[in-house]
Protein backbone atom coordinates (compact mmCIF):
# COMPACT_ATOMS: atom_id res chain seq x y z
CA MET A 1 -27.26 42.81 -7.23
CA THR A 2 -27.81 40.00 -5.00
CA VAL A 3 -26.59 36.45 -6.88
CA ALA A 4 -28.68 33.35 -5.64
CA THR A 5 -26.90 30.34 -4.64
CA HIS A 6 -27.16 26.84 -4.38
CA PRO A 7 -27.59 25.57 -0.89
CA GLY A 8 -24.51 23.17 -1.07
CA ASP A 9 -22.42 26.24 -2.35
CA ALA A 10 -20.64 26.24 0.61
CA ALA A 11 -20.24 22.55 1.25
CA ALA A 12 -18.91 22.02 -1.91
CA ALA A 13 -16.39 24.78 -1.47
CA THR A 14 -15.39 23.56 1.30
CA VAL A 15 -14.98 20.03 -0.37
CA HIS A 16 -12.67 21.53 -2.92
CA SER A 17 -10.18 23.54 -0.02
CA ARG A 18 -9.62 19.90 1.69
CA ARG A 19 -8.98 18.69 -1.75
CA GLY A 20 -6.16 20.67 -2.46
CA GLU A 21 -4.65 20.29 1.23
CA VAL A 22 -4.89 16.50 0.70
CA THR A 23 -3.36 16.69 -2.75
CA ARG A 24 -0.38 19.08 -1.80
CA TRP A 25 -0.08 16.37 1.32
CA ILE A 26 0.47 13.61 -0.89
CA ALA A 27 2.78 15.35 -3.06
CA GLY A 28 4.98 15.89 0.27
CA LEU A 29 5.23 12.09 1.22
CA HIS A 30 5.76 11.30 -2.24
CA ASP A 31 9.22 13.58 -2.63
CA GLU A 32 9.58 12.21 1.43
CA LEU A 33 9.58 8.46 -0.21
CA THR A 34 11.09 8.72 -2.84
CA SER A 35 13.94 11.04 -1.47
CA PHE A 36 14.28 8.11 1.35
CA PHE A 37 14.57 5.14 -1.08
CA GLY A 38 16.94 6.83 -3.56
CA ARG A 39 19.61 7.37 -0.28
CA LEU A 40 18.55 3.46 0.50
CA ASP A 41 19.38 2.38 -2.49
CA ARG A 42 23.09 3.42 -2.49
CA GLY A 43 23.25 4.47 -6.29
CA GLY A 44 20.35 4.04 -8.58
CA THR A 45 17.70 6.78 -10.03
CA PHE A 46 14.13 7.17 -9.98
CA ILE A 47 12.85 8.37 -13.62
CA GLU A 48 9.80 10.68 -13.02
CA ASP A 49 6.86 10.07 -15.85
CA ARG A 50 3.89 12.48 -15.68
CA TRP A 51 0.56 11.60 -16.73
CA GLU A 52 -3.25 12.57 -16.94
CA ARG A 53 -6.10 10.71 -16.71
CA PRO A 54 -9.07 11.25 -19.28
CA GLY A 55 -11.96 12.63 -17.24
CA GLY A 56 -9.69 14.27 -14.48
CA GLY A 57 -6.55 14.24 -12.64
CA GLY A 58 -3.64 12.55 -13.37
CA GLY A 59 -0.14 11.47 -11.35
CA VAL A 60 3.53 11.09 -11.15
CA ALA A 61 5.19 7.93 -11.61
CA ARG A 62 8.71 7.39 -10.55
CA VAL A 63 10.47 4.48 -11.08
CA MET A 64 14.11 2.90 -10.27
CA THR A 65 15.21 0.17 -12.61
CA ASP A 66 18.67 0.49 -12.52
CA GLY A 67 19.22 0.33 -8.46
CA VAL A 68 22.26 -1.39 -6.41
CA THR A 69 20.01 -2.50 -3.79
CA PHE A 70 16.67 -2.75 -5.91
CA GLU A 71 15.87 -4.55 -8.88
CA LYS A 72 12.83 -2.51 -9.15
CA ALA A 73 11.51 0.28 -7.35
CA GLY A 74 8.11 1.87 -7.94
CA ILE A 75 6.89 4.87 -6.07
CA ASN A 76 3.38 6.75 -7.54
CA ARG A 77 1.20 9.33 -6.82
CA SER A 78 -1.97 10.76 -8.08
CA ALA A 79 -4.97 12.72 -7.68
CA VAL A 80 -8.33 11.48 -9.73
CA MET A 81 -11.83 12.59 -9.87
CA GLY A 82 -14.76 11.88 -11.71
CA GLU A 83 -17.95 9.93 -12.08
CA LEU A 84 -18.09 6.60 -9.87
CA PRO A 85 -19.41 3.57 -12.48
CA GLU A 86 -21.61 1.67 -10.49
CA ALA A 87 -19.21 -1.38 -10.29
CA ALA A 88 -16.61 0.25 -9.07
CA ALA A 89 -18.94 2.34 -6.47
CA ARG A 90 -20.52 -1.39 -4.90
CA ARG A 91 -16.46 -2.20 -4.93
CA LEU A 92 -15.50 0.76 -2.86
CA GLY A 93 -18.24 0.53 -0.22
CA GLY A 94 -18.41 4.01 0.53
CA ARG A 95 -21.39 6.29 1.19
CA GLY A 96 -22.73 7.29 -2.07
CA ALA A 97 -25.44 10.07 -3.17
CA ALA A 98 -28.90 9.02 -1.76
CA SER A 99 -30.10 9.43 -6.05
CA GLY A 100 -28.35 10.73 -9.00
CA THR A 101 -24.84 10.60 -9.86
CA THR A 102 -21.97 9.98 -7.29
CA HIS A 103 -18.59 11.77 -8.12
CA PHE A 104 -15.01 10.59 -6.54
CA PHE A 105 -12.09 11.98 -5.10
CA ALA A 106 -9.02 9.90 -4.54
CA THR A 107 -5.87 10.88 -3.88
CA GLY A 108 -2.86 8.56 -2.72
CA VAL A 109 1.01 7.41 -3.05
CA SER A 110 1.68 3.87 -3.20
CA LEU A 111 5.15 2.45 -3.57
CA VAL A 112 6.15 -1.33 -4.05
CA VAL A 113 10.09 -2.21 -3.89
CA HIS A 114 11.64 -5.35 -5.13
CA PRO A 115 15.28 -6.07 -4.04
CA ARG A 116 17.63 -8.01 -5.60
CA SER A 117 18.67 -9.95 -3.18
CA PRO A 118 16.68 -12.71 -2.16
CA LYS A 119 17.73 -12.01 1.45
CA VAL A 120 16.18 -8.62 1.17
CA PRO A 121 12.48 -8.74 1.84
CA THR A 122 10.29 -6.95 -1.08
CA VAL A 123 8.04 -3.93 0.45
CA HIS A 124 4.63 -2.18 0.01
CA LEU A 125 3.44 0.39 1.14
CA ASN A 126 -0.04 3.11 0.45
CA VAL A 127 -1.70 5.39 1.67
CA ARG A 128 -4.97 7.37 0.40
CA TYR A 129 -7.64 9.81 0.75
CA PHE A 130 -11.03 9.23 -0.91
CA GLU A 131 -14.41 11.22 -0.75
CA LEU A 132 -17.62 10.86 -2.63
CA THR A 133 -19.89 13.49 -3.76
CA ASP A 134 -23.50 14.21 -5.23
CA GLU A 135 -24.19 15.86 -8.20
CA HIS A 136 -24.36 19.09 -6.75
CA GLY A 137 -20.55 18.62 -4.93
CA GLN A 138 -21.76 17.82 -1.54
CA LEU A 139 -19.59 15.65 0.40
CA THR A 140 -21.66 12.30 1.04
CA ASP A 141 -18.50 10.54 2.73
CA CYS A 142 -14.77 10.91 2.97
CA TRP A 143 -11.57 8.28 4.67
CA PHE A 144 -8.44 7.50 4.34
CA GLY A 145 -6.88 4.31 3.62
CA GLY A 146 -3.44 2.60 3.33
CA GLY A 147 -1.40 0.45 4.98
CA THR A 148 2.38 -1.26 4.70
CA ASP A 149 3.18 -5.50 4.45
CA LEU A 150 6.64 -7.55 3.96
CA THR A 151 6.85 -10.04 1.79
CA PRO A 152 10.55 -12.33 2.47
CA PHE A 153 11.89 -14.74 0.60
CA TYR A 154 14.08 -16.38 3.67
CA PRO A 155 13.03 -17.36 6.63
CA HIS A 156 14.80 -14.81 8.93
CA GLN A 157 11.95 -14.18 11.62
CA GLU A 158 13.79 -11.64 13.37
CA ASP A 159 13.39 -9.06 9.81
CA ALA A 160 9.65 -10.51 10.34
CA HIS A 161 9.43 -9.30 14.42
CA THR A 162 11.89 -6.03 13.46
CA PHE A 163 9.08 -4.65 10.46
CA HIS A 164 6.12 -5.35 13.25
CA ARG A 165 7.46 -4.04 16.31
CA ALA A 166 8.05 -0.82 14.78
CA LEU A 167 4.33 -0.71 13.26
CA HIS A 168 2.89 -1.18 16.71
CA ASP A 169 5.47 1.24 18.41
CA MET A 170 3.85 3.97 15.58
CA CYS A 171 0.43 2.72 15.94
CA SER A 172 0.26 3.04 19.37
CA ARG A 173 1.46 6.55 19.88
CA HIS A 174 -1.97 7.39 18.63
CA HIS A 175 -4.36 4.74 19.45
CA ALA A 176 -3.61 0.97 21.18
CA ALA A 177 -6.34 -0.80 19.39
CA LEU A 178 -4.92 -0.02 15.69
CA TYR A 179 -2.21 -2.33 15.54
CA PRO A 180 -4.19 -5.24 16.74
CA GLN A 181 -6.98 -4.12 14.66
CA PHE A 182 -5.40 -3.50 11.24
CA LYS A 183 -2.44 -6.08 11.91
CA GLN A 184 -5.39 -9.08 11.89
CA TRP A 185 -6.85 -7.08 8.76
CA CYS A 186 -3.52 -7.41 6.97
CA ASP A 187 -3.38 -11.12 7.86
CA GLU A 188 -6.99 -11.43 6.13
CA TYR A 189 -6.44 -9.32 3.08
CA PHE A 190 -3.01 -9.95 1.80
CA VAL A 191 -3.57 -13.96 0.69
CA ASN A 192 -4.17 -15.95 -2.48
CA THR A 193 -7.52 -17.69 -1.69
CA HIS A 194 -7.47 -19.73 -5.07
CA ARG A 195 -4.20 -21.46 -3.59
CA ASP A 196 -6.17 -22.02 0.03
CA ASN A 197 -5.48 -18.62 1.66
CA GLU A 198 -1.87 -19.15 1.14
CA ALA A 199 -0.39 -15.75 2.56
CA ARG A 200 1.51 -13.82 0.53
CA GLY A 201 4.05 -12.41 3.35
CA VAL A 202 4.52 -11.99 6.87
CA GLY A 203 1.60 -9.04 6.59
CA GLY A 204 1.77 -5.44 8.47
CA ILE A 205 -0.53 -3.41 9.24
CA PHE A 206 -4.16 -2.88 6.17
CA PHE A 207 -6.70 -0.70 6.97
CA ASP A 208 -9.57 1.19 4.74
CA HIS A 209 -12.98 3.00 5.56
CA LEU A 210 -10.89 5.02 8.18
CA ARG A 211 -13.45 7.89 9.04
CA ALA A 212 -12.87 10.57 11.67
CA ASP A 213 -16.23 9.42 13.09
CA ASP A 214 -14.77 6.10 13.64
CA GLU A 215 -15.58 5.12 17.21
CA ARG A 216 -13.03 2.85 17.79
CA PHE A 217 -10.34 5.08 17.70
CA GLY A 218 -12.07 8.71 18.77
CA LEU A 219 -9.74 10.61 16.44
CA ASP A 220 -10.69 13.68 14.67
CA PHE A 221 -9.91 14.72 11.29
CA GLU A 222 -6.77 15.80 11.70
CA ALA A 223 -5.68 13.28 14.26
CA THR A 224 -6.93 10.77 11.53
CA GLN A 225 -4.34 12.58 9.08
CA ALA A 226 -1.92 12.92 11.18
CA PHE A 227 -2.11 8.21 12.08
CA VAL A 228 -1.49 8.20 8.23
CA THR A 229 1.19 10.07 7.74
CA ASP A 230 3.22 7.99 10.32
CA VAL A 231 2.01 5.04 8.41
CA ALA A 232 3.65 6.47 5.63
CA ARG A 233 6.93 7.64 7.23
CA VAL A 234 7.61 4.16 9.21
CA LEU A 235 9.84 2.38 6.79
CA ARG A 236 12.52 4.39 8.15
CA ARG A 237 12.57 1.94 11.37
CA ALA A 238 10.83 -0.78 10.17
CA TYR A 239 12.37 -1.76 7.08
CA GLU A 240 15.83 0.25 6.80
CA PRO A 241 17.50 -1.73 9.46
CA ILE A 242 16.68 -4.89 7.53
CA VAL A 243 17.79 -3.98 4.40
CA ASP A 244 21.18 -2.42 5.86
CA GLN A 245 21.50 -5.51 7.63
CA ARG A 246 20.71 -8.24 4.41
CA ARG A 247 22.23 -6.32 1.83
CA GLU A 248 25.18 -8.20 1.48
CA GLU A 249 24.60 -11.14 2.67
CA PRO A 250 25.39 -14.20 -0.25
CA PHE A 251 22.96 -16.08 -1.79
CA SER A 252 22.65 -19.05 -3.99
CA VAL A 253 20.86 -19.93 -7.44
CA ALA A 254 18.64 -21.54 -5.20
CA GLU A 255 17.34 -18.89 -3.20
CA ARG A 256 17.09 -16.88 -6.30
CA GLU A 257 15.27 -18.97 -7.71
CA PHE A 258 12.62 -19.47 -4.84
CA GLN A 259 12.45 -15.87 -4.98
CA LEU A 260 11.55 -15.53 -8.75
CA VAL A 261 8.95 -18.08 -7.80
CA ARG A 262 7.32 -16.06 -4.28
CA ARG A 263 7.55 -13.24 -6.88
CA GLY A 264 5.12 -15.11 -8.81
CA ARG A 265 2.41 -15.41 -6.26
CA TYR A 266 3.05 -11.62 -5.45
CA VAL A 267 2.08 -11.15 -8.86
CA GLU A 268 -1.53 -13.38 -8.42
CA PHE A 269 -2.31 -11.39 -5.82
CA ASN A 270 -2.28 -8.08 -6.82
CA LEU A 271 -4.10 -8.73 -10.50
CA VAL A 272 -6.76 -10.91 -9.11
CA HIS A 273 -7.35 -9.68 -5.38
CA ASP A 274 -6.08 -6.17 -4.93
CA ARG A 275 -8.57 -3.50 -4.38
CA GLY A 276 -6.28 -0.65 -5.88
CA THR A 277 -5.53 -2.66 -8.76
CA THR A 278 -9.00 -3.65 -9.38
CA PHE A 279 -10.43 -0.11 -8.62
CA GLY A 280 -7.74 1.90 -10.88
CA LEU A 281 -8.38 -0.06 -13.70
CA GLN A 282 -12.37 0.29 -13.40
CA THR A 283 -11.66 4.13 -13.04
CA ASN A 284 -9.40 4.31 -16.22
CA ALA A 285 -6.54 5.12 -14.60
CA ARG A 286 -3.41 4.67 -16.25
CA VAL A 287 -2.20 1.29 -16.89
CA GLU A 288 1.74 1.65 -16.25
CA SER A 289 0.64 2.83 -13.11
CA VAL A 290 -1.52 0.60 -11.64
CA LEU A 291 0.88 -2.16 -12.45
CA MET A 292 3.75 -0.65 -11.15
CA SER A 293 3.95 -3.29 -8.20
CA LEU A 294 4.83 -5.88 -10.53
CA PRO A 295 7.98 -7.41 -10.30
CA PRO A 296 10.57 -7.40 -13.18
CA LEU A 297 10.82 -10.77 -13.13
CA ALA A 298 8.80 -13.55 -11.49
CA MET A 299 8.33 -17.48 -12.02
CA TRP A 300 5.91 -20.09 -12.26
CA GLN A 301 7.15 -23.64 -11.36
CA TYR A 302 4.43 -26.56 -12.09
CA ALA A 303 3.64 -27.91 -8.42
CA PRO A 304 6.48 -27.62 -6.36
CA ARG A 305 7.22 -29.31 -3.24
CA TYR A 306 10.04 -28.89 -0.80
CA SER A 307 11.65 -31.21 1.90
CA PRO A 308 10.57 -30.73 5.39
CA ASP A 309 13.65 -28.89 6.60
CA SER A 310 14.50 -27.05 3.17
CA PHE A 311 14.73 -23.30 3.97
CA GLU A 312 11.82 -23.25 1.09
CA ALA A 313 9.71 -25.05 3.37
CA ARG A 314 10.44 -22.87 6.55
CA LEU A 315 10.09 -19.85 4.65
CA MET A 316 6.23 -21.20 3.96
CA GLN A 317 5.88 -22.13 7.36
CA MET A 318 6.68 -18.31 8.12
CA LEU A 319 3.98 -17.04 6.62
CA GLU A 320 1.26 -18.84 8.61
CA PRO A 321 -0.32 -15.60 10.55
CA ARG A 322 1.32 -15.39 14.27
CA ASP A 323 1.64 -12.89 16.86
CA TRP A 324 5.34 -11.50 15.78
CA ILE A 325 5.66 -9.46 19.01
CA THR A 326 6.52 -11.91 21.35
CA ASP A 327 6.53 -15.05 18.82
CA VAL A 328 10.36 -15.02 17.18
CA ALA A 329 11.00 -18.87 18.56
CA GLY A 330 13.72 -20.35 15.70
CA ALA A 331 14.96 -16.79 14.96
């Protein structure tokens, strides 16, 4: 007996095969990052929370709130799918179905780590993979996204240099144009536009819609995935040396208070401008996981002003975008 098949069945089968592979890839990175930050904290433990999403998929949240070095550390992974709401489709910017309903699949791992000491910067990292398909399961678009950025609370310029040097070297192993383009994108993305484009931190790299057919870099799917894997692993060189150098430095009440004020700015960005937060809320993701990035404590002062020679003023000047590979004046 011959069974008739839809012309898109073979393509749909390939899509589902790739989904399984990238979901396992993300799960492996999730385990690596959990182990890394558990070791880096020197005493804290992660609590794991598994969740399911109405409409398809779910995820695993791992949160540390009893850390020695980190006041809060969240490392989440998810693999979710379903029909893409119109508002989310417009914001996402992918190539959806020419007609009919667009469906999405997204998997990724995301972390935000808030240290206890204001001398240790906050760090954020995420890598993700998206697919869009039509109602028959045929692939219409797929891409990678991700990045990492550093948010210091004290003006140690050499820390920004360490972070960016590691990113530059990692990117350059894959293509010379990756770091300068994604560094600029990060500088332009992580800003509170409602506060006159005030930067959240000293940047890093940020990318989205990175496709295997991107003419700028000439990377096939496997090479693109290899680059994104290295992004997920870069904190061993970019962040660990900073933590090890700063974790035992003493700090004052004023420095702790300023850390909480700057955390307030961090909250503002994540709630007002962050793409991941918006996508999660628009696609009915688990709210606790979407808002995992928020710090345990933050502060909002009314119109704070700092004397020009204060550490606060020097930190604000340090946040202005610059070439951190060569510019470490005043470190």
